[in-house]
């Protein structure tokens, strides 16, 4: 058992012993970043163990630890798609 304030026993991007690494979803899958106030974004890809998400209505991508995301639920997906449709109708998206 490691000391309370001792060095971590596992690397940050590695899963706990005996668990498989998290598999990235298909690009475009709507995910919720639980580390940033339940922010919804589209999965864009993986880089150096981090997942890249982009706001559904467009904008700057951000990276998140795969353990800090979950699949968007039906209401979250509906809100994200409605936001995208509204932006498109205002001419903000093509």
Protein backbone atom coordinates (compact mmCIF):
# COMPACT_ATOMS: atom_id res chain seq x y z
CA UNK A 1 0.00 0.00 0.00
CA UNK A 2 1.53 3.37 -1.02
CA UNK A 3 1.95 6.18 1.45
CA UNK A 4 -0.76 8.83 1.47
CA UNK A 5 1.48 11.52 0.02
CA UNK A 6 3.85 9.20 -1.79
CA UNK A 7 4.31 8.89 -5.54
CA UNK A 8 1.40 7.52 -7.54
CA UNK A 9 1.55 3.83 -8.28
CA UNK A 10 0.10 4.20 -11.78
CA UNK A 11 0.71 6.60 -14.63
CA UNK A 12 -2.08 9.11 -15.16
CA UNK A 13 -3.03 7.84 -18.63
CA UNK A 14 -2.92 4.15 -17.81
CA UNK A 15 -5.97 2.27 -16.56
CA UNK A 16 -5.89 0.70 -13.09
CA UNK A 17 -4.26 -2.72 -12.91
CA UNK A 18 -6.39 -5.39 -14.54
CA UNK A 19 -8.63 -3.01 -16.49
CA UNK A 20 -8.67 -2.50 -20.24
CA UNK A 21 -7.91 0.98 -21.59
CA UNK A 22 -10.97 3.01 -22.50
CA UNK A 23 -11.77 2.67 -26.19
CA UNK A 24 -12.55 5.84 -28.08
CA UNK A 25 -16.03 6.13 -29.59
CA UNK A 26 -16.72 6.79 -33.27
CA UNK A 27 -15.96 10.35 -34.45
CA UNK A 28 -19.00 12.58 -34.07
CA UNK A 29 -20.36 10.74 -31.03
CA UNK A 30 -21.85 13.22 -28.56
CA UNK A 31 -20.09 13.08 -25.20
CA UNK A 32 -20.51 14.95 -21.92
CA UNK A 33 -17.40 16.32 -20.22
CA UNK A 34 -18.16 15.90 -16.52
CA UNK A 35 -15.02 17.84 -15.53
CA UNK A 36 -16.32 21.04 -17.22
CA UNK A 37 -19.88 21.60 -15.96
CA UNK A 38 -21.44 18.82 -18.05
CA UNK A 39 -20.28 20.42 -21.31
CA UNK A 40 -21.49 18.53 -24.42
CA UNK A 41 -19.16 18.03 -27.36
CA UNK A 42 -18.58 15.84 -30.40
CA UNK A 43 -15.78 13.31 -30.12
CA UNK A 44 -13.10 14.25 -32.66
CA UNK A 45 -10.22 11.88 -31.90
CA UNK A 46 -7.55 10.73 -29.51
CA UNK A 47 -4.06 12.10 -29.00
CA UNK A 48 -1.54 11.07 -26.35
CA UNK A 49 -4.19 9.38 -24.22
CA UNK A 50 -6.47 12.43 -24.24
CA UNK A 51 -9.76 12.70 -26.12
CA UNK A 52 -10.57 15.75 -28.20
CA UNK A 53 -14.08 17.17 -28.11
CA UNK A 54 -15.58 20.04 -30.11
CA UNK A 55 -18.68 22.09 -29.27
CA UNK A 56 -21.66 20.83 -31.27
CA UNK A 57 -22.40 24.27 -32.73
CA UNK A 58 -18.77 24.77 -33.74
CA UNK A 59 -15.90 26.36 -31.90
CA UNK A 60 -12.56 25.54 -30.37
CA UNK A 61 -11.83 21.91 -29.52
CA UNK A 62 -10.72 20.94 -26.05
CA UNK A 63 -9.05 17.87 -24.63
CA UNK A 64 -10.28 15.77 -21.75
CA UNK A 65 -9.21 12.68 -19.89
CA UNK A 66 -11.29 9.71 -21.14
CA UNK A 67 -12.31 8.95 -17.55
CA UNK A 68 -14.01 12.37 -17.35
CA UNK A 69 -16.52 11.82 -20.15
CA UNK A 70 -19.70 9.86 -20.64
CA UNK A 71 -22.09 9.33 -23.52
CA UNK A 72 -24.68 12.07 -23.90
CA UNK A 73 -28.19 11.08 -22.86
CA UNK A 74 -31.28 11.61 -25.04
CA UNK A 75 -32.10 15.07 -23.64
CA UNK A 76 -28.48 16.24 -23.95
CA UNK A 77 -28.32 15.03 -27.56
CA UNK A 78 -31.61 16.76 -28.35
CA UNK A 79 -30.42 20.06 -26.85
CA UNK A 80 -27.13 19.86 -28.75
CA UNK A 81 -28.86 19.13 -32.06
CA UNK A 82 -31.37 21.95 -31.44
CA UNK A 83 -28.51 24.35 -30.76
CA UNK A 84 -26.84 23.29 -34.01
CA UNK A 85 -30.12 23.74 -35.97
CA UNK A 86 -30.70 27.19 -34.46
CA UNK A 87 -27.16 28.32 -35.31
CA UNK A 88 -27.57 27.04 -38.86
CA UNK A 89 -30.90 28.90 -39.28
CA UNK A 90 -29.24 32.14 -38.12
CA UNK A 91 -26.42 31.64 -40.64
CA UNK A 92 -23.76 30.98 -38.01
CA UNK A 93 -23.09 27.50 -39.42
CA UNK A 94 -23.06 26.15 -42.92
